[in-house]
Each structure stands twice: as structure tokens, then as C-alpha cells.
Amino acid sequence: MDGCELITVSNTGCTLETKELPQIFESFHRGNNADKVQGNGLGLFICRRLMGLMNGEVYADIRDECFYITLVVKMA
């Protein structure tokens, strides 16, 4: 993208369901796969807030059983 850098991170151990994608950036949301994992459900919420403050964006996707997070970083 013009004037932006894309950074994508993948998790090949993803067990998150596609139907959960719309909620993963909500505060205190934890996926169905997090029942025995410690956490508060704030990580992706904070990430989206920080990216917004930096005029960037963050997206999530599941493809080929892998979970992807893409950061759109505006170049100064």
C-alpha cells in the first residue's frame, strides 16, 4: 500500500473458529479455545487502540488453518 508498511504475523497452531473473528478485538473477549489459558482478553483490544492512535490499522484472518494478524503501519 502506498505510504504504508504491512506487517503480518501468523500462528500455525490456531484453533480459533472463523465465526469468532468479528469479536476478537473487543475488550475482555476470549475465544472458545482459551478456556485453560491464562489471560484477560485485552491484547488485541489494546493493539487495535494503539494502531488507531498511530493512524494505522490491524486486521485478523484465518486461512488454511492459520491465524493471521496484519498491521497497517503508516510511514512518517
PDB file of N, CA and C in Angstrom:
ATOM      1  N   MET A   1       0.842  -1.178   0.000  1.00  0.00           N
ATOM      2  CA  MET A   1       0.000   0.000   0.000  1.00  0.00           C
ATOM      3  C   MET A   1       0.888   1.242   0.000  1.00  0.00           C
ATOM      4  N   ASP A   2       0.472   2.261  -0.709  1.00  0.00           N
ATOM      5  CA  ASP A   2       1.247   3.498  -0.769  1.00  0.00           C
ATOM      6  C   ASP A   2       1.319   4.169   0.595  1.00  0.00           C
ATOM      7  N   GLY A   3       2.526   4.506   1.018  1.00  0.00           N
ATOM      8  CA  GLY A   3       2.733   5.204   2.263  1.00  0.00           C
ATOM      9  C   GLY A   3       2.531   4.354   3.504  1.00  0.00           C
ATOM     10  N   CYS A   4       2.421   3.054   3.328  1.00  0.00           N
ATOM     11  CA  CYS A   4       2.188   2.149   4.462  1.00  0.00           C
ATOM     12  C   CYS A   4       3.118   0.946   4.380  1.00  0.00           C
ATOM     13  N   GLU A   5       3.360   0.394   5.516  1.00  0.00           N
ATOM     14  CA  GLU A   5       4.105  -0.871   5.610  1.00  0.00           C
ATOM     15  C   GLU A   5       3.155  -1.896   6.223  1.00  0.00           C
ATOM     16  N   LEU A   6       3.110  -3.087   5.653  1.00  0.00           N
ATOM     17  CA  LEU A   6       2.274  -4.163   6.185  1.00  0.00           C
ATOM     18  C   LEU A   6       3.160  -5.144   6.940  1.00  0.00           C
ATOM     19  N   ILE A   7       2.746  -5.483   8.150  1.00  0.00           N
ATOM     20  CA  ILE A   7       3.456  -6.469   8.954  1.00  0.00           C
ATOM     21  C   ILE A   7       2.457  -7.564   9.296  1.00  0.00           C
ATOM     22  N   THR A   8       2.733  -8.781   8.872  1.00  0.00           N
ATOM     23  CA  THR A   8       1.826  -9.901   9.116  1.00  0.00           C
ATOM     24  C   THR A   8       2.512 -10.958   9.966  1.00  0.00           C
ATOM     25  N   VAL A   9       1.788 -11.412  10.986  1.00  0.00           N
ATOM     26  CA  VAL A   9       2.273 -12.456  11.883  1.00  0.00           C
ATOM     27  C   VAL A   9       1.284 -13.604  11.802  1.00  0.00           C
ATOM     28  N   SER A  10       1.784 -14.826  11.739  1.00  0.00           N
ATOM     29  CA  SER A  10       0.884 -15.974  11.653  1.00  0.00           C
ATOM     30  C   SER A  10       1.077 -16.907  12.840  1.00  0.00           C
ATOM     31  N   ASN A  11       0.009 -17.605  13.175  1.00  0.00           N
ATOM     32  CA  ASN A  11       0.009 -18.608  14.240  1.00  0.00           C
ATOM     33  C   ASN A  11      -0.494 -19.903  13.621  1.00  0.00           C
ATOM     34  N   THR A  12       0.396 -20.850  13.421  1.00  0.00           N
ATOM     35  CA  THR A  12       0.011 -22.101  12.775  1.00  0.00           C
ATOM     36  C   THR A  12      -0.707 -23.052  13.714  1.00  0.00           C
ATOM     37  N   GLY A  13      -0.725 -22.734  15.012  1.00  0.00           N
ATOM     38  CA  GLY A  13      -1.406 -23.572  15.989  1.00  0.00           C
ATOM     39  C   GLY A  13      -2.810 -23.078  16.293  1.00  0.00           C
ATOM     40  N   CYS A  14      -3.391 -22.355  15.362  1.00  0.00           N
ATOM     41  CA  CYS A  14      -4.690 -21.717  15.581  1.00  0.00           C
ATOM     42  C   CYS A  14      -5.819 -22.737  15.727  1.00  0.00           C
ATOM     43  N   THR A  15      -6.617 -22.548  16.772  1.00  0.00           N
ATOM     44  CA  THR A  15      -7.832 -23.344  16.916  1.00  0.00           C
ATOM     45  C   THR A  15      -9.048 -22.427  17.046  1.00  0.00           C
ATOM     46  N   LEU A  16      -8.860 -21.144  16.742  1.00  0.00           N
ATOM     47  CA  LEU A  16      -9.947 -20.172  16.777  1.00  0.00           C
ATOM     48  C   LEU A  16     -10.880 -20.421  15.599  1.00  0.00           C
ATOM     49  N   GLU A  17     -12.163 -20.305  15.836  1.00  0.00           N
ATOM     50  CA  GLU A  17     -13.140 -20.516  14.769  1.00  0.00           C
ATOM     51  C   GLU A  17     -13.371 -19.213  14.001  1.00  0.00           C
ATOM     52  N   THR A  18     -13.598 -19.317  12.701  1.00  0.00           N
ATOM     53  CA  THR A  18     -13.814 -18.156  11.845  1.00  0.00           C
ATOM     54  C   THR A  18     -14.974 -17.303  12.339  1.00  0.00           C
ATOM     55  N   LYS A  19     -16.001 -17.918  12.888  1.00  0.00           N
ATOM     56  CA  LYS A  19     -17.168 -17.164  13.354  1.00  0.00           C
ATOM     57  C   LYS A  19     -16.838 -16.239  14.526  1.00  0.00           C
ATOM     58  N   GLU A  20     -15.680 -16.459  15.183  1.00  0.00           N
ATOM     59  CA  GLU A  20     -15.267 -15.622  16.306  1.00  0.00           C
ATOM     60  C   GLU A  20     -14.495 -14.377  15.877  1.00  0.00           C
ATOM     61  N   LEU A  21     -14.068 -14.293  14.631  1.00  0.00           N
ATOM     62  CA  LEU A  21     -13.258 -13.172  14.170  1.00  0.00           C
ATOM     63  C   LEU A  21     -13.873 -11.796  14.446  1.00  0.00           C
ATOM     64  N   PRO A  22     -15.170 -11.584  14.247  1.00  0.00           N
ATOM     65  CA  PRO A  22     -15.718 -10.238  14.490  1.00  0.00           C
ATOM     66  C   PRO A  22     -15.574  -9.757  15.936  1.00  0.00           C
ATOM     67  N   GLN A  23     -15.432 -10.651  16.898  1.00  0.00           N
ATOM     68  CA  GLN A  23     -15.356 -10.260  18.306  1.00  0.00           C
ATOM     69  C   GLN A  23     -13.941 -10.179  18.875  1.00  0.00           C
ATOM     70  N   ILE A  24     -12.934 -10.623  18.172  1.00  0.00           N
ATOM     71  CA  ILE A  24     -11.617 -10.766  18.807  1.00  0.00           C
ATOM     72  C   ILE A  24     -10.961  -9.450  19.205  1.00  0.00           C
ATOM     73  N   PHE A  25     -11.408  -8.332  18.662  1.00  0.00           N
ATOM     74  CA  PHE A  25     -10.833  -7.040  19.027  1.00  0.00           C
ATOM     75  C   PHE A  25     -11.640  -6.344  20.123  1.00  0.00           C
ATOM     76  N   GLU A  26     -12.669  -6.999  20.650  1.00  0.00           N
ATOM     77  CA  GLU A  26     -13.463  -6.432  21.737  1.00  0.00           C
ATOM     78  C   GLU A  26     -12.742  -6.652  23.069  1.00  0.00           C
ATOM     79  N   SER A  27     -12.909  -5.690  23.992  1.00  0.00           N
ATOM     80  CA  SER A  27     -12.249  -5.833  25.291  1.00  0.00           C
ATOM     81  C   SER A  27     -12.849  -6.999  26.063  1.00  0.00           C
ATOM     82  N   PHE A  28     -11.987  -7.740  26.717  1.00  0.00           N
ATOM     83  CA  PHE A  28     -12.311  -8.891  27.562  1.00  0.00           C
ATOM     84  C   PHE A  28     -12.900 -10.076  26.790  1.00  0.00           C
ATOM     85  N   HIS A  29     -12.809 -10.058  25.457  1.00  0.00           N
ATOM     86  CA  HIS A  29     -13.281 -11.221  24.688  1.00  0.00           C
ATOM     87  C   HIS A  29     -12.182 -12.273  24.676  1.00  0.00           C
ATOM     88  N   ARG A  30     -12.569 -13.482  24.991  1.00  0.00           N
ATOM     89  CA  ARG A  30     -11.653 -14.612  24.902  1.00  0.00           C
ATOM     90  C   ARG A  30     -12.313 -15.670  24.042  1.00  0.00           C
ATOM     91  N   GLY A  31     -11.558 -16.227  23.137  1.00  0.00           N
ATOM     92  CA  GLY A  31     -12.088 -17.231  22.232  1.00  0.00           C
ATOM     93  C   GLY A  31     -12.459 -18.519  22.948  1.00  0.00           C
ATOM     94  N   ASN A  32     -13.222 -19.344  22.260  1.00  0.00           N
ATOM     95  CA  ASN A  32     -13.618 -20.639  22.819  1.00  0.00           C
ATOM     96  C   ASN A  32     -12.419 -21.542  23.093  1.00  0.00           C
ATOM     97  N   ASN A  33     -11.298 -21.243  22.454  1.00  0.00           N
ATOM     98  CA  ASN A  33     -10.105 -22.073  22.617  1.00  0.00           C
ATOM     99  C   ASN A  33      -9.240 -21.635  23.799  1.00  0.00           C
ATOM    100  N   ALA A  34      -9.698 -20.663  24.605  1.00  0.00           N
ATOM    101  CA  ALA A  34      -8.863 -20.105  25.677  1.00  0.00           C
ATOM    102  C   ALA A  34      -9.304 -20.518  27.071  1.00  0.00           C
ATOM    103  N   ASP A  35     -10.093 -21.566  27.180  1.00  0.00           N
ATOM    104  CA  ASP A  35     -10.647 -21.938  28.481  1.00  0.00           C
ATOM    105  C   ASP A  35      -9.598 -22.321  29.516  1.00  0.00           C
ATOM    106  N   LYS A  36      -8.478 -22.887  29.105  1.00  0.00           N
ATOM    107  CA  LYS A  36      -7.448 -23.302  30.065  1.00  0.00           C
ATOM    108  C   LYS A  36      -6.165 -22.486  29.930  1.00  0.00           C
ATOM    109  N   VAL A  37      -6.280 -21.324  29.277  1.00  0.00           N
ATOM    110  CA  VAL A  37      -5.127 -20.468  29.057  1.00  0.00           C
ATOM    111  C   VAL A  37      -5.323 -19.182  29.850  1.00  0.00           C
ATOM    112  N   GLN A  38      -4.266 -18.754  30.549  1.00  0.00           N
ATOM    113  CA  GLN A  38      -4.337 -17.543  31.346  1.00  0.00           C
ATOM    114  C   GLN A  38      -4.465 -16.321  30.442  1.00  0.00           C
ATOM    115  N   GLY A  39      -5.192 -15.316  30.881  1.00  0.00           N
ATOM    116  CA  GLY A  39      -5.307 -14.064  30.141  1.00  0.00           C
ATOM    117  C   GLY A  39      -6.608 -13.362  30.452  1.00  0.00           C
ATOM    118  N   ASN A  40      -6.695 -12.112  29.982  1.00  0.00           N
ATOM    119  CA  ASN A  40      -7.872 -11.299  30.246  1.00  0.00           C
ATOM    120  C   ASN A  40      -8.651 -10.910  29.003  1.00  0.00           C
ATOM    121  N   GLY A  41      -8.139 -11.225  27.834  1.00  0.00           N
ATOM    122  CA  GLY A  41      -8.836 -10.852  26.614  1.00  0.00           C
ATOM    123  C   GLY A  41      -8.650  -9.393  26.247  1.00  0.00           C
ATOM    124  N   LEU A  42      -7.491  -8.827  26.583  1.00  0.00           N
ATOM    125  CA  LEU A  42      -7.242  -7.416  26.300  1.00  0.00           C
ATOM    126  C   LEU A  42      -6.178  -7.174  25.235  1.00  0.00           C
ATOM    127  N   GLY A  43      -5.388  -8.170  24.893  1.00  0.00           N
ATOM    128  CA  GLY A  43      -4.251  -7.981  23.988  1.00  0.00           C
ATOM    129  C   GLY A  43      -4.610  -7.387  22.645  1.00  0.00           C
ATOM    130  N   LEU A  44      -5.536  -7.986  21.927  1.00  0.00           N
ATOM    131  CA  LEU A  44      -5.890  -7.475  20.605  1.00  0.00           C
ATOM    132  C   LEU A  44      -6.709  -6.187  20.694  1.00  0.00           C
ATOM    133  N   PHE A  45      -7.458  -6.014  21.782  1.00  0.00           N
ATOM    134  CA  PHE A  45      -8.180  -4.759  22.006  1.00  0.00           C
ATOM    135  C   PHE A  45      -7.177  -3.611  22.136  1.00  0.00           C
ATOM    136  N   ILE A  46      -6.144  -3.805  22.949  1.00  0.00           N
ATOM    137  CA  ILE A  46      -5.116  -2.784  23.135  1.00  0.00           C
ATOM    138  C   ILE A  46      -4.356  -2.542  21.834  1.00  0.00           C
ATOM    139  N   CYS A  47      -4.057  -3.605  21.126  1.00  0.00           N
ATOM    140  CA  CYS A  47      -3.356  -3.491  19.850  1.00  0.00           C
ATOM    141  C   CYS A  47      -4.143  -2.613  18.874  1.00  0.00           C
ATOM    142  N   ARG A  48      -5.438  -2.841  18.755  1.00  0.00           N
ATOM    143  CA  ARG A  48      -6.264  -2.044  17.842  1.00  0.00           C
ATOM    144  C   ARG A  48      -6.295  -0.580  18.280  1.00  0.00           C
ATOM    145  N   ARG A  49      -6.410  -0.339  19.590  1.00  0.00           N
ATOM    146  CA  ARG A  49      -6.429   1.040  20.099  1.00  0.00           C
ATOM    147  C   ARG A  49      -5.108   1.751  19.789  1.00  0.00           C
ATOM    148  N   LEU A  50      -3.993   1.074  20.026  1.00  0.00           N
ATOM    149  CA  LEU A  50      -2.692   1.683  19.750  1.00  0.00           C
ATOM    150  C   LEU A  50      -2.495   1.954  18.259  1.00  0.00           C
ATOM    151  N   MET A  51      -2.896   1.011  17.428  1.00  0.00           N
ATOM    152  CA  MET A  51      -2.763   1.222  15.986  1.00  0.00           C
ATOM    153  C   MET A  51      -3.620   2.403  15.536  1.00  0.00           C
ATOM    154  N   GLY A  52      -4.806   2.544  16.109  1.00  0.00           N
ATOM    155  CA  GLY A  52      -5.661   3.686  15.786  1.00  0.00           C
ATOM    156  C   GLY A  52      -5.026   5.003  16.192  1.00  0.00           C
ATOM    157  N   LEU A  53      -4.394   5.043  17.355  1.00  0.00           N
ATOM    158  CA  LEU A  53      -3.718   6.258  17.813  1.00  0.00           C
ATOM    159  C   LEU A  53      -2.541   6.633  16.917  1.00  0.00           C
ATOM    160  N   MET A  54      -1.969   5.648  16.233  1.00  0.00           N
ATOM    161  CA  MET A  54      -0.845   5.891  15.321  1.00  0.00           C
ATOM    162  C   MET A  54      -1.313   6.005  13.870  1.00  0.00           C
ATOM    163  N   ASN A  55      -2.629   6.179  13.680  1.00  0.00           N
ATOM    164  CA  ASN A  55      -3.230   6.278  12.339  1.00  0.00           C
ATOM    165  C   ASN A  55      -2.983   5.032  11.497  1.00  0.00           C
ATOM    166  N   GLY A  56      -2.884   3.908  12.161  1.00  0.00           N
ATOM    167  CA  GLY A  56      -2.722   2.634  11.476  1.00  0.00           C
ATOM    168  C   GLY A  56      -3.953   1.776  11.686  1.00  0.00           C
ATOM    169  N   GLU A  57      -3.865   0.544  11.240  1.00  0.00           N
ATOM    170  CA  GLU A  57      -4.983  -0.391  11.372  1.00  0.00           C
ATOM    171  C   GLU A  57      -4.450  -1.780  11.686  1.00  0.00           C
ATOM    172  N   VAL A  58      -5.338  -2.648  12.135  1.00  0.00           N
ATOM    173  CA  VAL A  58      -4.979  -4.037  12.388  1.00  0.00           C
ATOM    174  C   VAL A  58      -6.138  -4.912  11.927  1.00  0.00           C
ATOM    175  N   TYR A  59      -5.798  -5.999  11.266  1.00  0.00           N
ATOM    176  CA  TYR A  59      -6.796  -6.931  10.742  1.00  0.00           C
ATOM    177  C   TYR A  59      -6.457  -8.346  11.173  1.00  0.00           C
ATOM    178  N   ALA A  60      -7.464  -9.183  11.267  1.00  0.00           N
ATOM    179  CA  ALA A  60      -7.262 -10.602  11.583  1.00  0.00           C
ATOM    180  C   ALA A  60      -7.949 -11.447  10.522  1.00  0.00           C
ATOM    181  N   ASP A  61      -7.370 -12.609  10.271  1.00  0.00           N
ATOM    182  CA  ASP A  61      -7.925 -13.512   9.268  1.00  0.00           C
ATOM    183  C   ASP A  61      -7.502 -14.936   9.618  1.00  0.00           C
ATOM    184  N   ILE A  62      -8.300 -15.890   9.181  1.00  0.00           N
ATOM    185  CA  ILE A  62      -7.937 -17.306   9.300  1.00  0.00           C
ATOM    186  C   ILE A  62      -7.940 -17.881   7.890  1.00  0.00           C
ATOM    187  N   ARG A  63      -6.785 -18.416   7.488  1.00  0.00           N
ATOM    188  CA  ARG A  63      -6.648 -19.042   6.172  1.00  0.00           C
ATOM    189  C   ARG A  63      -5.843 -20.324   6.330  1.00  0.00           C
ATOM    190  N   ASP A  64      -6.300 -21.366   5.697  1.00  0.00           N
ATOM    191  CA  ASP A  64      -5.571 -22.643   5.718  1.00  0.00           C
ATOM    192  C   ASP A  64      -5.210 -23.077   7.138  1.00  0.00           C
ATOM    193  N   GLU A  65      -6.155 -22.926   8.062  1.00  0.00           N
ATOM    194  CA  GLU A  65      -5.999 -23.308   9.469  1.00  0.00           C
ATOM    195  C   GLU A  65      -4.901 -22.528  10.196  1.00  0.00           C
ATOM    196  N   CYS A  66      -4.524 -21.367   9.671  1.00  0.00           N
ATOM    197  CA  CYS A  66      -3.566 -20.479  10.320  1.00  0.00           C
ATOM    198  C   CYS A  66      -4.259 -19.162  10.649  1.00  0.00           C
ATOM    199  N   PHE A  67      -3.928 -18.582  11.792  1.00  0.00           N
ATOM    200  CA  PHE A  67      -4.462 -17.299  12.232  1.00  0.00           C
ATOM    201  C   PHE A  67      -3.457 -16.225  11.867  1.00  0.00           C
ATOM    202  N   TYR A  68      -3.897 -15.177  11.183  1.00  0.00           N
ATOM    203  CA  TYR A  68      -3.026 -14.102  10.743  1.00  0.00           C
ATOM    204  C   TYR A  68      -3.483 -12.775  11.344  1.00  0.00           C
ATOM    205  N   ILE A  69      -2.528 -12.003  11.819  1.00  0.00           N
ATOM    206  CA  ILE A  69      -2.756 -10.627  12.240  1.00  0.00           C
ATOM    207  C   ILE A  69      -1.903  -9.758  11.319  1.00  0.00           C
ATOM    208  N   THR A  70      -2.524  -8.750  10.701  1.00  0.00           N
ATOM    209  CA  THR A  70      -1.799  -7.831   9.827  1.00  0.00           C
ATOM    210  C   THR A  70      -1.919  -6.426  10.373  1.00  0.00           C
ATOM    211  N   LEU A  71      -0.769  -5.791  10.573  1.00  0.00           N
ATOM    212  CA  LEU A  71      -0.716  -4.395  10.993  1.00  0.00           C
ATOM    213  C   LEU A  71      -0.453  -3.538   9.770  1.00  0.00           C
ATOM    214  N   VAL A  72      -1.228  -2.476   9.618  1.00  0.00           N
ATOM    215  CA  VAL A  72      -1.015  -1.497   8.558  1.00  0.00           C
ATOM    216  C   VAL A  72      -0.400  -0.276   9.228  1.00  0.00           C
ATOM    217  N   VAL A  73       0.905  -0.072   9.008  1.00  0.00           N
ATOM    218  CA  VAL A  73       1.651   0.999   9.666  1.00  0.00           C
ATOM    219  C   VAL A  73       1.862   2.126   8.660  1.00  0.00           C
ATOM    220  N   LYS A  74       1.360   3.317   8.985  1.00  0.00           N
ATOM    221  CA  LYS A  74       1.558   4.484   8.114  1.00  0.00           C
ATOM    222  C   LYS A  74       2.989   4.977   8.285  1.00  0.00           C
ATOM    223  N   MET A  75       3.660   5.200   7.164  1.00  0.00           N
ATOM    224  CA  MET A  75       5.037   5.675   7.196  1.00  0.00           C
ATOM    225  C   MET A  75       5.047   7.193   7.393  1.00  0.00           C
ATOM    226  N   ALA A  76       5.964   7.669   8.211  1.00  0.00           N
ATOM    227  CA  ALA A  76       6.062   9.114   8.512  1.00  0.00           C
ATOM    228  C   ALA A  76       6.793   9.845   7.402  1.00  0.00           C
TER     229      ALA A  76
END
